[in-house]
Protein backbone atom coordinates (compact mmCIF):
# COMPACT_ATOMS: atom_id res chain seq x y z
CA MET A 1 108.90 96.23 104.53
CA SER A 2 109.10 100.04 104.95
CA SER A 3 111.88 102.00 103.37
CA SER A 4 112.28 105.15 105.32
CA SER A 5 115.12 107.42 106.38
CA SER A 6 115.49 109.29 109.59
CA SER A 7 116.26 113.03 109.87
CA GLY A 8 116.27 113.91 113.48
CA SER A 9 112.74 113.26 114.54
CA GLY A 10 111.37 113.36 111.03
CA LYS A 11 110.86 110.44 108.66
CA VAL A 12 110.45 110.41 104.91
CA ARG A 13 107.80 107.79 103.99
CA ARG A 14 108.04 106.25 100.66
CA LYS A 15 105.07 105.08 98.58
CA GLU A 16 105.45 101.52 99.75
CA ASP A 17 105.09 102.50 103.41
CA THR A 18 101.66 101.67 105.07
CA THR A 19 101.97 103.99 108.13
CA SER A 20 100.33 107.32 108.48
CA PHE A 21 101.18 110.84 109.45
CA ALA A 22 99.27 110.35 112.73
CA ALA A 23 101.33 107.15 113.32
CA THR A 24 98.23 105.12 113.69
CA ASN A 25 98.18 101.39 113.07
CA SER A 26 94.84 101.60 111.26
CA ARG A 27 94.73 100.03 107.77
CA ASN A 28 92.38 102.55 106.01
CA ASP A 29 91.61 101.67 102.36
CA SER A 30 91.86 105.39 101.31
CA ARG A 31 94.46 108.00 101.09
CA LYS A 32 93.14 111.38 102.23
CA ILE A 33 94.32 114.75 103.04
CA ALA A 34 92.89 115.99 106.26
CA SER A 35 93.86 118.70 108.65
CA SER A 36 95.71 116.26 110.83
CA SER A 37 96.93 113.33 108.79
CA LEU A 38 97.73 111.85 105.33
CA VAL A 39 96.99 108.09 105.33
CA MET A 40 98.83 106.04 102.70
CA ASN A 41 98.57 102.41 101.79
CA ASN A 42 100.67 100.30 99.32
CA SER A 43 99.74 101.58 95.82
CA GLY A 44 98.26 98.83 93.79
CA PRO A 45 96.06 98.96 90.70
CA ASN A 46 92.93 98.75 92.80
CA ASP A 47 93.86 101.36 95.44
CA PRO A 48 91.87 104.58 95.31
CA LYS A 49 93.15 107.42 93.21
CA PHE A 50 93.06 111.04 94.23
CA VAL A 51 93.28 114.43 92.55
CA PHE A 52 94.93 117.20 94.46
CA SER A 53 93.79 120.77 94.09
CA CYS A 54 94.74 124.22 95.58
CA ARG A 55 92.79 124.80 98.79
CA SER A 56 92.39 128.56 97.86
CA CYS A 57 91.11 128.41 94.30
CA ARG A 58 90.44 124.69 93.58
CA ASN A 59 92.91 124.70 90.74
CA ILE A 60 93.89 121.03 89.84
CA ILE A 61 97.61 120.53 90.90
CA GLY A 62 98.12 116.82 90.40
CA ASP A 63 97.11 113.32 91.39
CA SER A 64 98.11 110.38 93.48
CA LEU A 65 99.47 108.39 90.55
CA SER A 66 102.71 110.57 90.76
CA LEU A 67 102.89 110.28 94.62
CA ILE A 68 106.54 109.52 95.77
CA CYS A 69 106.48 110.01 99.57
CA THR A 70 105.23 112.02 102.52
CA TYR A 71 107.22 113.85 105.13
CA GLU A 72 105.36 113.85 108.48
CA GLU A 73 106.84 116.69 110.40
CA MET A 74 106.88 119.09 107.44
CA ARG A 75 103.32 118.02 106.58
CA THR A 76 104.10 117.57 102.86
CA ILE A 77 103.65 115.16 100.11
CA THR A 78 106.05 114.79 97.27
CA VAL A 79 105.05 113.98 93.69
CA SER A 80 107.05 113.36 90.61
CA GLY A 81 104.96 115.73 88.42
CA THR A 82 102.28 118.33 88.59
CA THR A 83 99.95 120.14 86.15
CA ASN A 84 101.01 123.40 84.51
CA LYS A 85 99.08 125.21 87.25
CA ILE A 86 102.14 125.41 89.53
CA ALA A 87 105.03 127.70 88.83
CA PRO A 88 108.30 128.17 90.66
CA GLU A 89 109.35 131.64 91.92
CA HIS A 90 112.49 132.91 90.23
CA THR A 91 114.34 133.28 93.54
CA LEU A 92 116.49 130.31 94.79
CA ARG A 93 116.02 130.19 98.60
CA THR A 94 117.92 128.45 101.42
CA SER A 95 115.83 126.93 104.26
CA VAL A 96 116.43 127.78 107.83
CA GLU A 97 113.55 125.60 109.06
CA ARG A 98 114.37 122.75 111.37
CA PHE A 99 113.44 119.92 109.07
CA ASP A 100 115.14 120.98 105.83
CA GLU A 101 117.77 123.36 107.10
CA GLY A 102 120.45 124.11 104.49
CA SER A 103 118.30 122.87 101.59
CA THR A 104 117.98 125.13 98.55
CA PHE A 105 114.60 125.37 96.96
CA TYR A 106 112.25 127.39 94.69
CA LYS A 107 108.93 128.29 96.30
CA LEU A 108 106.03 126.82 94.28
CA LEU A 109 103.01 128.98 93.67
CA CYS A 110 99.66 128.26 92.29
CA THR A 111 99.30 130.07 89.00
CA GLU A 112 95.67 131.02 89.60
CA CYS A 113 95.74 132.57 93.06
CA VAL A 114 99.49 132.99 93.58
CA GLN A 115 99.36 131.24 96.96
CA PRO A 116 102.44 129.24 98.08
CA ILE A 117 101.67 125.58 97.60
CA GLY A 118 105.00 123.80 98.00
CA LYS A 119 108.77 123.74 97.33
CA TYR A 120 110.92 122.41 94.55
CA TYR A 121 114.20 121.21 96.19
CA VAL A 122 117.41 121.78 94.20
CA SER A 123 119.65 120.54 96.97
CA THR A 124 118.89 118.57 100.09
CA PRO A 125 120.73 116.79 102.90
CA ARG A 126 121.17 113.09 102.12
CA THR A 127 118.17 112.13 104.31
CA LEU A 128 115.88 114.31 102.12
CA ASP A 129 117.11 112.93 98.82
CA PRO A 130 113.66 111.64 97.72
CA LEU A 131 112.46 115.27 97.78
CA ARG A 132 115.15 116.59 95.49
CA ASP A 133 114.12 117.50 91.86
CA LYS A 134 110.53 116.71 92.80
CA TYR A 135 107.40 118.68 93.73
CA THR A 136 106.92 118.76 97.56
CA LEU A 137 103.52 120.13 98.30
CA PHE A 138 102.17 121.47 101.57
CA VAL A 139 99.29 119.31 102.81
CA ASP A 140 97.59 122.30 104.39
CA SER A 141 97.48 124.10 100.98
CA LEU A 142 95.74 121.17 99.30
CA GLU A 143 92.33 119.55 99.04
CA SER A 144 91.79 116.16 97.43
CA TYR A 145 89.04 114.30 95.66
CA GLN A 146 88.84 110.54 95.53
CA LEU A 147 88.03 109.36 92.01
CA GLY A 148 85.01 107.22 91.83
CA LYS A 149 83.72 108.27 95.29
CA VAL A 150 80.25 109.72 95.06
CA ASP A 151 78.23 110.80 98.06
CA LEU A 152 74.76 109.37 97.38
CA GLY A 153 73.33 110.64 100.75
CA ASN A 154 72.00 113.84 99.04
CA ALA A 155 71.22 112.41 95.66
CA PRO A 156 67.57 112.91 94.51
CA SER A 157 65.32 109.84 94.23
CA ALA A 158 64.00 108.68 90.74
CA GLU A 159 60.61 110.20 91.66
CA ASP A 160 62.19 113.59 92.34
CA ILE A 161 63.70 113.85 88.85
CA SER A 162 61.08 111.97 86.81
CA PRO A 163 58.37 114.17 85.24
CA PRO A 164 54.89 113.44 86.58
CA GLN A 165 52.88 110.92 84.48
CA SER A 166 50.48 113.77 83.40
CA ALA A 167 53.43 115.53 81.88
CA ASN A 168 54.46 112.42 79.95
CA ASN A 169 50.90 112.02 78.61
CA GLN A 170 50.92 115.72 77.50
CA VAL A 171 54.19 115.24 75.67
CA ALA A 172 52.77 112.15 73.91
CA ASP A 173 49.66 114.06 72.90
CA ASP A 174 51.70 117.01 71.60
CA ILE A 175 53.96 114.63 69.47
CA GLY A 176 50.71 113.09 68.01
CA LYS A 177 49.35 116.50 67.02
CA VAL A 178 52.69 117.44 65.38
CA GLY A 179 52.66 114.17 63.52
CA ILE A 180 49.11 114.82 62.20
CA LEU A 181 50.10 118.36 61.21
CA CYS A 182 53.19 117.06 59.28
CA LEU A 183 51.14 114.43 57.45
CA SER A 184 48.49 117.09 56.55
CA LEU A 185 51.14 119.45 55.14
CA PHE A 186 52.74 116.58 53.15
CA LEU A 187 49.35 115.66 51.63
CA CYS A 188 48.57 119.22 50.70
CA ALA A 189 51.95 119.73 49.11
CA HIS A 190 51.56 116.48 47.24
CA TYR A 191 48.09 117.50 45.71
CA LEU A 192 49.36 120.92 44.81
CA VAL A 193 52.14 119.48 42.56
């Protein structure tokens, strides 16, 4: 059962919702930020986890464990917390944009590259209550990385990273020579005492 509110043509999607920005019916097992959609599934303990970073400088911003909701038309995700790599501007602003008109917010900036990365809403219309006092991040300002997801397509084979057998034999010979040298030095020192 989806719990979403309507605001004109926009819908706030909560974490429990299994629909996507693109309004597809596909049940994808991953959440991903792409240029056209954010796909979300019910968050369970076995669901994929994501790390969000600034698209400009790759600064880590937050992760999907704090994900609250998405807002399709604004192309945002809202999280309950972020890293200290986001800072609000000191100016309180009032939105004149169609989707959040009349809301007051602080613009959120990446502390590394000072690019706008989202909004921190102080007041919102009732339909945007899930965004208030949370970090609403612009999807187009983020990149994501799925934890535990490794691309093995370009990984070197065992033969590529293993030294050739002749190198292994050379190392073994060198170790043997060092051992003989150490034993010789020990015996010389023993007889000199």
